[in-house]
Amino acid sequence: MIEFIREVFGGEVILRYDRDDGTLMHASVRVGDSTIMVADGTEQWPSFPVWLHVYVDDVDAAYQRALDHGGIPVQEPANQQDGDRRAGVRDVAGNTWWIGGSAL
């Protein structure tokens, strides 16, 4: 997932802690002026898919990068009534990424 964030959204890992078994205990990844925190699930705290909404400068380009990096199409880029342009992709972990930006 971190590689997906890096490749698709230009994310920068600013902090990462791995467990002794090699699984991810915690990571913070900066995308623009936002920080996304991720971790691998455990027995006590199982993984589950989420919906994330990320604003980018070029929705169409980010959508294509997501597809190029294994994303599964959920919604092709389209202008919305609220003035945004939006697309959706699902990553290999089952998370849905809503990619938004200005339609102007």
Protein backbone atom coordinates (compact mmCIF):
# COMPACT_ATOMS: atom_id res chain seq x y z
CA MET A 1 0.00 0.00 0.00
CA ILE A 2 2.85 2.38 0.79
CA GLU A 3 4.35 1.79 -2.65
CA PHE A 4 0.93 2.46 -4.22
CA ILE A 5 0.71 5.78 -2.33
CA ARG A 6 4.25 6.70 -3.37
CA GLU A 7 3.83 5.82 -7.03
CA VAL A 8 0.28 7.11 -7.58
CA PHE A 9 0.12 10.17 -5.33
CA GLY A 10 3.79 11.10 -4.92
CA GLY A 11 3.65 10.14 -1.24
CA GLU A 12 6.72 10.49 0.95
CA VAL A 13 7.33 8.12 3.86
CA ILE A 14 8.13 10.34 6.83
CA LEU A 15 8.07 7.65 9.53
CA ARG A 16 8.09 3.85 9.54
CA TYR A 17 8.25 1.22 12.30
CA ASP A 18 8.34 -2.48 11.48
CA ARG A 19 7.66 -5.33 13.91
CA ASP A 20 10.26 -8.04 14.54
CA ASP A 21 8.33 -10.37 12.18
CA GLY A 22 8.67 -7.85 9.33
CA THR A 23 5.07 -6.63 9.34
CA LEU A 24 4.33 -2.93 9.44
CA MET A 25 3.57 -1.62 12.92
CA HIS A 26 3.10 2.01 11.82
CA ALA A 27 3.97 4.30 8.94
CA SER A 28 3.16 7.92 8.18
CA VAL A 29 3.10 8.89 4.52
CA ARG A 30 2.78 12.52 3.43
CA VAL A 31 0.66 13.31 0.38
CA GLY A 32 0.68 17.02 -0.35
CA ASP A 33 -0.16 18.72 2.96
CA SER A 34 -1.85 15.62 4.44
CA THR A 35 -0.50 12.62 6.34
CA ILE A 36 -1.90 9.12 5.89
CA MET A 37 -1.11 6.64 8.66
CA VAL A 38 -1.10 2.91 7.86
CA ALA A 39 -0.26 -0.38 9.56
CA ASP A 40 -0.60 -4.11 9.00
CA GLY A 41 -3.38 -5.80 10.92
CA THR A 42 -2.84 -8.14 13.86
CA GLU A 43 -5.02 -10.71 15.61
CA GLN A 44 -6.04 -8.05 18.11
CA TRP A 45 -6.51 -5.34 15.45
CA PRO A 46 -7.47 -7.02 12.14
CA SER A 47 -7.10 -5.25 8.81
CA PHE A 48 -10.16 -3.91 7.02
CA PRO A 49 -10.62 -1.94 3.79
CA VAL A 50 -11.29 1.80 3.93
CA TRP A 51 -12.40 4.59 1.61
CA LEU A 52 -9.91 7.42 1.24
CA HIS A 53 -10.50 10.72 -0.55
CA VAL A 54 -7.39 12.43 -1.92
CA TYR A 55 -7.27 15.73 -3.81
CA VAL A 56 -4.71 16.00 -6.61
CA ASP A 57 -3.81 18.52 -9.32
CA ASP A 58 -4.60 16.13 -12.20
CA VAL A 59 -7.34 13.56 -11.53
CA ASP A 60 -6.98 11.84 -14.90
CA ALA A 61 -3.21 11.37 -14.57
CA ALA A 62 -3.49 10.06 -10.99
CA TYR A 63 -6.27 7.68 -12.04
CA GLN A 64 -4.10 6.31 -14.86
CA ARG A 65 -1.10 5.91 -12.53
CA ALA A 66 -3.35 4.01 -10.11
CA LEU A 67 -4.42 1.63 -12.89
CA ASP A 68 -0.79 1.25 -13.99
CA HIS A 69 0.11 0.20 -10.42
CA GLY A 70 -2.55 -2.48 -10.04
CA GLY A 71 -5.58 -0.37 -9.15
CA ILE A 72 -8.97 -1.76 -10.12
CA PRO A 73 -11.38 0.77 -11.67
CA VAL A 74 -14.34 1.77 -9.49
CA GLN A 75 -15.35 4.96 -11.32
CA GLU A 76 -13.74 6.58 -14.36
CA PRO A 77 -12.85 10.28 -14.07
CA ALA A 78 -15.92 12.48 -14.48
CA ASN A 79 -17.00 16.00 -13.63
CA GLN A 80 -19.43 16.08 -10.68
CA GLN A 81 -22.25 18.47 -9.79
CA ASP A 82 -20.26 19.84 -6.83
CA GLY A 83 -17.60 21.27 -9.18
CA ASP A 84 -15.06 18.52 -8.59
CA ARG A 85 -13.69 16.01 -11.06
CA ARG A 86 -13.59 12.61 -9.37
CA ALA A 87 -12.51 9.03 -10.05
CA GLY A 88 -12.28 5.88 -7.95
CA VAL A 89 -9.90 2.92 -7.82
CA ARG A 90 -9.46 -0.05 -5.48
CA ASP A 91 -5.90 -1.00 -4.47
CA VAL A 92 -4.59 -4.54 -3.94
CA ALA A 93 -5.43 -4.34 -0.21
CA GLY A 94 -9.11 -3.65 -1.00
CA ASN A 95 -9.06 0.05 -0.12
CA THR A 96 -11.05 2.40 -2.35
CA TRP A 97 -9.31 5.63 -3.29
CA TRP A 98 -11.53 8.50 -4.41
CA ILE A 99 -9.33 10.82 -6.46
CA GLY A 100 -10.68 14.35 -6.60
CA GLY A 101 -9.70 17.72 -7.95
CA SER A 102 -11.14 20.82 -9.51
CA ALA A 103 -13.17 20.32 -12.69
CA LEU A 104 -12.34 23.88 -13.78
